[in-house]
Amino acid sequence: MSCSAPEEHDFKEAQKNSKRGDYKVALGYLDRIVKRNSPNTSYGLEAAREAFKLSFYELKNYPKAVNYLRFLVLHSGDQKERLESQKQIASIYFNDLQDYQASIIEYSKLQQMPHSDLEAAQYKLSVARAQFYLNNFFQAESEIDTLLKLKAIGTLRAGALLLKGNILIARKEYPKAIDVFKTLMAESPEYATQENVGLTLAVCYEENNNFKDAIRVLESFRGKYSPPEYIELRLKRLSERLKNAPGAKGFKK
């Protein structure tokens, strides 16, 4: 790595302050290197890499972290680094900043970069989730329906079905949601257990006024769910609703 005296001084100062835990001071030195160096120099790129790490992991300054990643996407000569940097940008917008509109844009950029069929499916699922969180249920369902037709969906199918069911719940289409959750439980029982899909299925039955099936599903959770009081309270409430449901006591003459 070739560098001028000012670059060497700033980089050493950044390292010194970083080791002391003075991350903001260290970042200031790195930022100065990035801003004044040609992006084509290895020194500017290395400063951007270190600045990203400090911004993201130590300072939790996600907008700054994104800026350094964008620098790498634009100027790194390593295609793999450009791709990984773009993936991190999309992830930061989605997971850390929860700016779902921006994340959709960034995942769309990823779809224009080299990727495998499985990665294409992962990006589509992330876009569908972002649309769901933005309450764009029609767009979210459209993305999921396309995703579920892909051969490369693999292990993503369970997550896609879960999101499909949640979209249907949001649209109050409970009978359709019930079918999706039953399929998910049959195809991926471990994942369904991990995500408490059975409890969501019981809610769908209850919202569809099918109290008997809601009770049946919840009874299967007895002794398997913590805290157990939650299941008992739900069962008690459902039993009351079943008892008071129209026609439950028969027709009076």
Protein backbone atom coordinates (compact mmCIF):
# COMPACT_ATOMS: atom_id res chain seq x y z
CA MET A 1 0.00 0.00 0.00
CA SER A 2 1.67 3.18 -1.17
CA CYS A 3 0.80 6.42 0.59
CA SER A 4 1.96 9.96 1.15
CA ALA A 5 3.18 11.23 4.50
CA PRO A 6 -0.20 12.80 5.44
CA GLU A 7 -2.03 9.57 4.56
CA GLU A 8 0.37 7.47 6.60
CA HIS A 9 0.06 9.85 9.54
CA ASP A 10 -3.76 9.84 9.44
CA PHE A 11 -3.99 6.08 9.09
CA LYS A 12 -1.63 5.49 12.02
CA GLU A 13 -3.57 7.98 14.12
CA ALA A 14 -6.80 6.19 13.20
CA GLN A 15 -5.35 2.85 14.27
CA LYS A 16 -3.97 4.32 17.50
CA ASN A 17 -7.30 5.90 18.48
CA SER A 18 -9.26 2.82 17.48
CA LYS A 19 -7.15 0.65 19.79
CA ARG A 20 -7.85 3.12 22.63
CA GLY A 21 -11.57 2.94 21.94
CA ASP A 22 -11.74 6.52 20.64
CA TYR A 23 -13.77 5.42 17.64
CA LYS A 24 -15.14 8.83 16.69
CA VAL A 25 -11.66 10.33 16.56
CA ALA A 26 -10.39 7.34 14.58
CA LEU A 27 -13.27 7.67 12.16
CA GLY A 28 -12.45 11.34 11.64
CA TYR A 29 -8.95 10.46 10.42
CA LEU A 30 -10.24 7.69 8.15
CA ASP A 31 -12.95 9.93 6.76
CA ARG A 32 -10.34 12.54 5.88
CA ILE A 33 -8.34 9.94 3.95
CA VAL A 34 -11.41 8.75 2.02
CA LYS A 35 -12.47 12.26 1.08
CA ARG A 36 -9.11 13.52 -0.14
CA ASN A 37 -7.77 10.40 -1.86
CA SER A 38 -8.45 9.23 -5.36
CA PRO A 39 -10.87 6.28 -5.09
CA ASN A 40 -8.58 4.32 -7.35
CA THR A 41 -5.82 4.22 -4.75
CA SER A 42 -5.63 1.20 -2.50
CA TYR A 43 -5.13 3.50 0.47
CA GLY A 44 -8.46 5.24 -0.01
CA LEU A 45 -10.22 1.89 -0.33
CA GLU A 46 -8.57 0.50 2.81
CA ALA A 47 -9.58 3.60 4.76
CA ALA A 48 -13.18 3.13 3.53
CA ARG A 49 -13.16 -0.50 4.69
CA GLU A 50 -11.92 0.42 8.15
CA ALA A 51 -14.31 3.39 8.36
CA PHE A 52 -17.23 1.10 7.56
CA LYS A 53 -16.25 -1.31 10.33
CA LEU A 54 -16.01 1.48 12.92
CA SER A 55 -19.25 3.11 11.80
CA PHE A 56 -21.24 -0.12 11.75
CA TYR A 57 -19.86 -2.27 14.55
CA GLU A 58 -18.59 0.26 17.07
CA LEU A 59 -20.54 3.50 16.57
CA LYS A 60 -23.77 2.04 15.14
CA ASN A 61 -23.85 5.02 12.79
CA TYR A 62 -25.66 3.24 9.98
CA PRO A 63 -26.04 6.16 7.54
CA LYS A 64 -22.26 6.71 7.65
CA ALA A 65 -21.67 2.99 7.25
CA VAL A 66 -23.82 3.04 4.12
CA ASN A 67 -21.79 5.92 2.70
CA TYR A 68 -18.51 3.99 3.02
CA LEU A 69 -20.10 0.91 1.49
CA ARG A 70 -21.31 2.98 -1.46
CA PHE A 71 -17.72 4.16 -1.93
CA LEU A 72 -16.62 0.52 -2.16
CA VAL A 73 -19.45 -0.40 -4.54
CA LEU A 74 -18.45 2.43 -6.86
CA HIS A 75 -14.68 2.21 -6.68
CA SER A 76 -13.47 -1.23 -5.58
CA GLY A 77 -11.73 -3.25 -8.30
CA ASP A 78 -12.89 -6.47 -6.64
CA GLN A 79 -16.25 -7.61 -8.03
CA LYS A 80 -16.91 -9.80 -4.99
CA GLU A 81 -16.30 -6.85 -2.66
CA ARG A 82 -18.66 -4.64 -4.67
CA LEU A 83 -21.36 -7.31 -4.48
CA GLU A 84 -20.91 -7.95 -0.76
CA SER A 85 -20.94 -4.20 -0.07
CA GLN A 86 -24.21 -3.81 -1.96
CA LYS A 87 -25.70 -6.73 0.00
CA GLN A 88 -24.71 -5.02 3.24
CA ILE A 89 -26.27 -1.75 2.12
CA ALA A 90 -29.58 -3.48 1.45
CA SER A 91 -29.38 -5.32 4.77
CA ILE A 92 -28.65 -2.13 6.73
CA TYR A 93 -31.63 -0.33 5.24
CA PHE A 94 -33.87 -3.31 5.96
CA ASN A 95 -32.66 -4.54 9.35
CA ASP A 96 -30.94 -1.60 11.04
CA LEU A 97 -32.55 1.55 9.63
CA GLN A 98 -35.88 -0.17 8.88
CA ASP A 99 -36.19 2.07 5.85
CA TYR A 100 -38.11 -0.46 3.81
CA GLN A 101 -38.69 1.80 0.82
CA ALA A 102 -34.95 2.38 0.50
CA SER A 103 -34.24 -1.33 0.99
CA ILE A 104 -36.47 -2.17 -1.98
CA ILE A 105 -34.35 0.12 -4.15
CA GLU A 106 -31.13 -1.48 -2.91
CA TYR A 107 -32.39 -5.04 -3.42
CA SER A 108 -33.42 -4.03 -6.94
CA LYS A 109 -29.82 -2.94 -7.55
CA LEU A 110 -28.65 -6.36 -6.36
CA GLN A 111 -30.93 -7.98 -8.92
CA GLN A 112 -28.96 -6.15 -11.61
CA MET A 113 -25.63 -7.52 -10.34
CA PRO A 114 -24.30 -11.08 -10.88
CA HIS A 115 -26.22 -13.53 -8.69
CA SER A 116 -27.30 -17.15 -8.43
CA ASP A 117 -30.88 -18.34 -8.75
CA LEU A 118 -31.03 -18.85 -4.98
CA GLU A 119 -29.79 -15.30 -4.37
CA ALA A 120 -32.45 -14.00 -6.77
CA ALA A 121 -35.05 -15.81 -4.65
CA GLN A 122 -33.57 -14.32 -1.46
CA TYR A 123 -33.74 -10.80 -2.87
CA LYS A 124 -37.35 -11.32 -3.96
CA LEU A 125 -38.30 -12.56 -0.50
CA SER A 126 -36.67 -9.52 1.10
CA VAL A 127 -38.54 -7.20 -1.26
CA ALA A 128 -41.80 -8.98 -0.42
CA ARG A 129 -41.14 -8.53 3.30
CA ALA A 130 -40.36 -4.86 2.79
CA GLN A 131 -43.59 -4.37 0.85
CA PHE A 132 -45.46 -6.16 3.64
CA TYR A 133 -44.00 -3.86 6.30
CA LEU A 134 -45.01 -0.89 4.15
CA ASN A 135 -48.57 -2.27 4.12
CA ASN A 136 -48.35 -2.76 0.36
CA PHE A 137 -50.07 -6.11 0.63
CA PHE A 138 -50.94 -6.51 -3.05
CA GLN A 139 -47.32 -5.94 -4.12
CA ALA A 140 -46.05 -8.20 -1.33
CA GLU A 141 -48.36 -11.03 -2.36
CA SER A 142 -47.43 -10.60 -6.01
CA GLU A 143 -43.73 -10.96 -5.13
CA ILE A 144 -44.44 -14.04 -2.99
CA ASP A 145 -46.58 -15.73 -5.63
CA THR A 146 -43.78 -15.25 -8.17
CA LEU A 147 -41.23 -16.53 -5.67
CA LEU A 148 -43.21 -19.66 -4.86
CA LYS A 149 -43.11 -20.63 -8.56
CA LEU A 150 -39.30 -20.52 -8.71
CA LYS A 151 -37.47 -23.85 -8.80
CA ALA A 152 -34.55 -22.38 -6.88
CA ILE A 153 -36.65 -21.42 -3.86
CA GLY A 154 -35.30 -24.36 -1.82
CA THR A 155 -35.22 -23.72 1.92
CA LEU A 156 -36.76 -20.26 1.39
CA ARG A 157 -40.16 -21.83 0.70
CA ALA A 158 -41.08 -22.07 4.38
CA GLY A 159 -40.36 -18.38 4.98
CA ALA A 160 -42.25 -17.47 1.83
CA LEU A 161 -45.31 -19.46 2.94
CA LEU A 162 -45.19 -17.84 6.38
CA LEU A 163 -45.16 -14.38 4.80
CA LYS A 164 -47.94 -15.37 2.39
CA GLY A 165 -50.08 -16.43 5.36
CA ASN A 166 -49.38 -13.20 7.24
CA ILE A 167 -50.30 -11.16 4.16
CA LEU A 168 -53.63 -13.00 3.96
CA ILE A 169 -54.24 -12.32 7.66
CA ALA A 170 -53.57 -8.63 7.08
CA ARG A 171 -56.15 -8.72 4.28
CA LYS A 172 -58.54 -10.62 6.59
CA GLU A 173 -58.68 -13.54 4.16
CA TYR A 174 -58.69 -16.11 6.96
CA PRO A 175 -59.84 -19.23 5.04
CA LYS A 176 -56.98 -18.77 2.55
CA ALA A 177 -54.53 -18.10 5.39
CA ILE A 178 -55.66 -21.31 7.10
CA ASP A 179 -54.85 -23.33 3.98
CA VAL A 180 -51.40 -21.74 3.70
CA PHE A 181 -50.51 -22.35 7.36
CA LYS A 182 -51.71 -25.96 7.18
CA THR A 183 -49.48 -26.49 4.15
CA LEU A 184 -46.55 -24.90 5.97
CA MET A 185 -47.04 -27.10 9.03
CA ALA A 186 -47.20 -30.22 6.85
CA GLU A 187 -44.14 -29.34 4.74
CA SER A 188 -41.86 -27.80 7.37
CA PRO A 189 -42.95 -28.93 10.86
CA GLU A 190 -39.73 -27.83 12.61
CA TYR A 191 -39.83 -24.35 11.09
CA ALA A 192 -43.55 -24.09 11.84
CA THR A 193 -42.91 -24.99 15.49
CA GLN A 194 -40.07 -22.47 15.71
CA GLU A 195 -42.32 -19.72 14.32
CA ASN A 196 -45.38 -20.72 16.42
CA VAL A 197 -47.41 -21.20 13.26
CA GLY A 198 -49.90 -23.37 15.15
CA LEU A 199 -50.85 -20.46 17.39
CA THR A 200 -51.32 -18.25 14.34
CA LEU A 201 -53.49 -20.95 12.76
CA ALA A 202 -55.65 -20.99 15.91
CA VAL A 203 -56.09 -17.21 15.60
CA CYS A 204 -57.22 -17.65 11.99
CA TYR A 205 -59.79 -20.23 13.01
CA GLU A 206 -61.04 -17.94 15.78
CA GLU A 207 -61.29 -14.93 13.45
CA ASN A 208 -63.24 -17.14 11.05
CA ASN A 209 -65.59 -18.02 13.96
CA ASN A 210 -64.49 -21.65 13.83
CA PHE A 211 -64.01 -21.98 17.57
CA LYS A 212 -63.98 -25.79 17.64
CA ASP A 213 -60.95 -26.04 15.36
CA ALA A 214 -59.24 -23.19 17.19
CA ILE A 215 -59.67 -25.12 20.45
CA ARG A 216 -58.47 -28.34 18.80
CA VAL A 217 -55.25 -26.67 17.61
CA LEU A 218 -54.57 -24.98 20.95
CA GLU A 219 -55.13 -28.21 22.87
CA SER A 220 -52.28 -29.76 20.87
CA PHE A 221 -50.00 -27.13 22.47
CA ARG A 222 -50.79 -28.13 26.04
CA GLY A 223 -47.54 -28.92 27.81
CA LYS A 224 -45.49 -27.74 24.83
CA TYR A 225 -45.74 -23.96 25.10
CA SER A 226 -44.26 -21.58 27.65
CA PRO A 227 -45.82 -20.01 29.59
CA PRO A 228 -48.52 -22.71 29.83
CA GLU A 229 -50.95 -20.17 31.32
CA TYR A 230 -51.18 -18.48 27.93
CA ILE A 231 -52.66 -21.58 26.30
CA GLU A 232 -55.07 -22.15 29.19
CA LEU A 233 -56.32 -18.55 29.05
CA ARG A 234 -56.83 -18.78 25.29
CA LEU A 235 -58.69 -22.07 25.65
CA LYS A 236 -60.91 -20.63 28.38
CA ARG A 237 -61.78 -17.62 26.24
CA LEU A 238 -62.50 -19.77 23.20
CA SER A 239 -64.70 -22.12 25.23
CA GLU A 240 -66.73 -19.11 26.36
CA ARG A 241 -67.05 -17.85 22.79
CA LEU A 242 -68.12 -21.30 21.61
CA LYS A 243 -70.72 -21.56 24.36
CA ASN A 244 -72.14 -18.12 23.51
CA ALA A 245 -71.99 -18.53 19.74
CA PRO A 246 -75.32 -18.33 17.85
CA GLY A 247 -76.92 -21.74 17.67
CA ALA A 248 -74.65 -23.22 20.31
CA LYS A 249 -77.59 -24.02 22.63
CA GLY A 250 -79.89 -25.14 19.86
CA PHE A 251 -83.05 -23.45 18.62
CA LYS A 252 -85.75 -22.50 21.10
CA LYS A 253 -89.34 -23.23 20.21
